[in-house]
Protein backbone atom coordinates (compact mmCIF):
# COMPACT_ATOMS: atom_id res chain seq x y z
CA MET A 1 33.56 31.39 -26.62
CA ASN A 2 35.69 33.84 -24.69
CA ALA A 3 33.11 35.84 -22.76
CA GLU A 4 35.80 37.49 -20.63
CA ALA A 5 37.37 39.23 -23.63
CA ILE A 6 33.97 40.45 -24.83
CA ILE A 7 33.06 41.75 -21.36
CA ASP A 8 36.39 43.54 -20.98
CA ALA A 9 35.95 45.28 -24.33
CA LEU A 10 32.35 46.25 -23.59
CA ALA A 11 33.37 47.66 -20.22
CA THR A 12 36.20 49.78 -21.65
CA GLN A 13 34.89 50.88 -25.06
CA GLY A 14 31.31 49.67 -25.44
CA TRP A 15 31.99 47.38 -28.43
CA CYS A 16 33.92 44.26 -29.37
CA VAL A 17 34.92 42.31 -32.48
CA HIS A 18 35.54 38.68 -31.48
CA HIS A 19 37.02 36.57 -34.29
CA ASP A 20 36.40 32.82 -34.05
CA PHE A 21 33.57 33.19 -31.53
CA LEU A 22 32.26 29.91 -32.98
CA PRO A 23 34.34 27.31 -34.80
CA ASP A 24 33.78 26.32 -38.43
CA ALA A 25 31.46 23.34 -37.86
CA PRO A 26 28.65 25.13 -35.96
CA VAL A 27 28.94 28.12 -38.28
CA ALA A 28 28.55 25.82 -41.29
CA ALA A 29 25.53 24.16 -39.65
CA LEU A 30 23.88 27.55 -39.06
CA ARG A 31 24.68 28.59 -42.62
CA GLY A 32 23.02 25.41 -43.88
CA VAL A 33 19.85 26.10 -41.89
CA CYS A 34 19.81 29.69 -43.13
CA LEU A 35 20.20 28.71 -46.79
CA ALA A 36 17.63 25.90 -46.57
CA ARG A 37 15.00 28.17 -45.07
CA GLN A 38 15.74 30.87 -47.59
CA ALA A 39 15.35 28.33 -50.43
CA SER A 40 11.98 27.25 -48.99
CA GLY A 41 10.68 30.83 -49.12
CA GLY A 42 10.69 31.52 -45.39
CA PHE A 43 12.44 34.90 -45.60
CA HIS A 44 10.75 38.27 -46.12
CA ALA A 45 11.88 41.82 -46.84
CA ALA A 46 13.17 43.56 -43.73
CA GLY A 47 11.68 46.83 -42.52
CA VAL A 48 12.70 49.71 -40.28
CA GLY A 49 10.98 50.89 -37.12
CA ALA A 50 9.03 48.93 -34.53
CA GLY A 51 5.43 47.90 -34.01
CA GLN A 52 2.82 49.89 -35.89
CA SER A 53 5.48 52.26 -37.27
CA ARG A 54 7.46 49.45 -38.97
CA VAL A 55 7.77 50.05 -42.73
CA ILE A 56 9.67 48.61 -45.67
CA SER A 57 12.30 51.19 -46.54
CA GLU A 58 14.99 51.92 -49.10
CA LEU A 59 17.38 52.26 -46.16
CA ARG A 60 17.92 48.50 -46.16
CA GLN A 61 17.75 45.70 -48.70
CA ASP A 62 18.23 42.52 -46.67
CA ARG A 63 15.76 39.69 -46.23
CA ILE A 64 15.20 38.18 -42.79
CA LEU A 65 13.71 35.26 -40.87
CA TRP A 66 13.08 35.63 -37.14
CA LEU A 67 14.33 32.88 -34.81
CA GLU A 68 12.05 31.37 -32.18
CA ALA A 69 13.04 29.89 -28.81
CA ASP A 70 11.58 26.51 -29.80
CA ASP A 71 13.33 26.33 -33.18
CA PRO A 72 13.70 22.63 -34.09
CA ALA A 73 17.17 22.94 -35.66
CA PRO A 74 19.96 21.73 -33.33
CA ALA A 75 22.34 24.34 -34.77
CA VAL A 76 19.93 27.12 -33.84
CA GLN A 77 19.47 25.69 -30.35
CA ASP A 78 23.26 25.62 -29.92
CA TYR A 79 23.46 29.26 -31.04
CA LEU A 80 20.70 30.24 -28.60
CA ALA A 81 22.51 28.40 -25.79
CA ALA A 82 25.76 30.25 -26.59
CA MET A 83 23.89 33.55 -26.52
CA ALA A 84 22.23 32.67 -23.21
CA SER A 85 25.67 31.95 -21.71
CA LEU A 86 26.98 35.26 -23.01
CA ARG A 87 23.93 37.11 -21.63
CA GLN A 88 24.42 35.59 -18.19
CA ALA A 89 28.13 36.46 -18.16
CA VAL A 90 27.51 40.06 -19.26
CA ASN A 91 24.78 40.50 -16.66
CA ARG A 92 27.00 39.05 -13.94
CA GLU A 93 29.94 41.35 -14.72
CA LEU A 94 28.35 44.50 -16.16
CA MET A 95 24.84 44.39 -14.63
CA LEU A 96 23.11 45.52 -17.83
CA GLY A 97 19.81 43.84 -16.94
CA LEU A 98 19.66 41.85 -20.18
CA PHE A 99 16.48 39.79 -20.13
CA GLU A 100 15.85 38.24 -23.54
CA LEU A 101 17.25 37.88 -27.04
CA GLU A 102 15.46 38.69 -30.27
CA ALA A 103 17.35 37.53 -33.36
CA HIS A 104 16.93 36.79 -37.03
CA PHE A 105 18.80 35.33 -39.95
CA ALA A 106 19.75 38.14 -42.37
CA ALA A 107 20.54 37.50 -46.03
CA TYR A 108 21.92 40.26 -48.24
CA PRO A 109 21.89 39.47 -51.96
CA PRO A 110 24.81 40.80 -54.03
CA GLY A 111 24.72 44.60 -54.05
CA ALA A 112 22.36 44.90 -51.06
CA PHE A 113 23.13 47.32 -48.22
CA TYR A 114 21.80 48.81 -45.00
CA GLN A 115 22.41 52.53 -44.62
CA ARG A 116 23.91 54.18 -41.53
CA HIS A 117 21.71 53.74 -38.45
CA LEU A 118 21.46 53.08 -34.72
CA ASP A 119 19.83 49.90 -33.40
CA ARG A 120 17.68 51.41 -30.65
CA PHE A 121 14.26 52.72 -31.61
CA ARG A 122 13.16 56.20 -30.57
CA GLU A 123 9.88 54.88 -29.17
CA ASP A 124 11.27 51.69 -27.61
CA ASP A 125 14.48 51.69 -25.56
CA ARG A 126 14.52 47.99 -24.59
CA ARG A 127 17.36 47.03 -26.97
CA VAL A 128 20.60 47.23 -24.98
CA LEU A 129 23.28 45.11 -26.67
CA THR A 130 23.57 44.24 -30.37
CA VAL A 131 25.09 40.85 -31.27
CA ILE A 132 25.94 40.00 -34.90
CA LEU A 133 27.29 36.58 -35.82
CA TYR A 134 28.59 36.15 -39.38
CA LEU A 135 27.99 32.89 -41.27
CA ASN A 136 30.02 33.49 -44.44
CA ALA A 137 32.52 30.91 -45.68
CA ASP A 138 35.88 31.92 -47.19
CA TRP A 139 35.05 35.63 -47.15
CA THR A 140 37.76 37.98 -48.45
CA PRO A 141 38.10 41.78 -48.62
CA ALA A 142 37.37 41.57 -52.35
CA ASP A 143 33.88 40.27 -51.50
CA GLY A 144 32.95 43.60 -49.85
CA GLY A 145 29.98 43.58 -47.47
CA GLN A 146 31.90 45.08 -44.55
CA LEU A 147 30.16 46.36 -41.46
CA ARG A 148 31.17 50.01 -41.37
CA PHE A 149 31.29 51.00 -37.72
CA TRP A 150 31.82 54.38 -36.06
CA PRO A 151 33.54 53.94 -32.66
CA GLN A 152 33.00 57.62 -31.85
CA ALA A 153 29.99 59.63 -32.94
CA SER A 154 32.06 62.79 -32.44
CA ALA A 155 34.53 61.65 -35.13
CA PRO A 156 32.39 60.80 -38.19
CA ALA A 157 35.45 60.60 -40.44
CA ASP A 158 36.97 57.82 -38.32
CA CYS A 159 35.27 54.53 -39.09
CA LEU A 160 36.21 50.87 -38.82
CA ASP A 161 35.35 48.40 -41.60
CA ILE A 162 34.73 44.90 -40.20
CA LEU A 163 34.89 41.94 -42.57
CA PRO A 164 31.89 39.58 -42.14
CA THR A 165 34.02 36.45 -41.79
CA GLY A 166 32.24 33.30 -40.64
CA GLY A 167 32.43 32.81 -36.87
CA THR A 168 33.11 36.47 -36.07
CA LEU A 169 30.85 38.01 -33.43
CA VAL A 170 30.42 41.79 -33.23
CA THR A 171 28.85 43.19 -30.06
CA PHE A 172 28.10 46.80 -29.15
CA LEU A 173 25.79 48.96 -27.08
CA SER A 174 22.73 49.43 -29.27
CA ASP A 175 22.07 53.09 -28.51
CA ARG A 176 25.61 54.42 -28.94
CA PHE A 177 27.20 53.21 -32.15
CA TRP A 178 26.29 54.15 -35.70
CA HIS A 179 26.93 51.47 -38.33
CA GLU A 180 26.01 50.40 -41.82
CA VAL A 181 26.34 47.38 -44.12
CA LEU A 182 28.29 48.02 -47.31
CA PRO A 183 27.27 46.27 -50.55
CA ALA A 184 28.83 42.86 -51.14
CA ARG A 185 29.74 41.08 -54.37
CA ARG A 186 28.17 37.81 -53.25
CA GLU A 187 25.44 36.80 -50.84
CA ARG A 188 26.18 37.82 -47.26
CA LEU A 189 24.69 35.87 -44.32
CA ALA A 190 24.47 36.65 -40.63
CA ILE A 191 22.42 36.24 -37.49
CA THR A 192 21.63 39.67 -36.09
CA GLY A 193 20.30 39.90 -32.56
CA TRP A 194 19.64 42.23 -29.69
CA PHE A 195 19.68 41.56 -25.97
CA LYS A 196 16.77 43.45 -24.47
CA ARG A 197 15.84 44.60 -21.01
CA ARG A 198 12.30 44.37 -19.62
């Protein structure tokens, strides 16, 4: 993990794409946990909104499983430890007041998408920093499923398409950057999380 590169990018532009954030072995272990729990029926349809206003919507078609701090899987504990180290480094250098992580496995079946959106809720501004770790093996541009990302809201025609290659970590300020998930030709796996303030 190169926290310094992530922090520098967040400080200058508010977002970062870090290839090879995790090496192949821990990514494969996380992918295995994700697939096993999906096969056992642990996932459910994702919704939009927070709290009482959360609804299942046509805006997104992924299925998710929330991660807990006491998850028994060693691969998940290693991921949570890496995120805790990143949170501490970001707080030390950027003083964002990040307090906790909420995160879930996200599985997109072939053809599934998530339309353009921001990650901070209107009625709840605690989400500060989005962190997306991709778990996909041998992903190519022909597989689709890119994260379409708008670095500048004032330039809607200028977008960046990020390939969801296993081990890549995308981070960005949750309230500033519009993004969407494009349909993929095969199942697309990730851990999506948000560092929150109190």
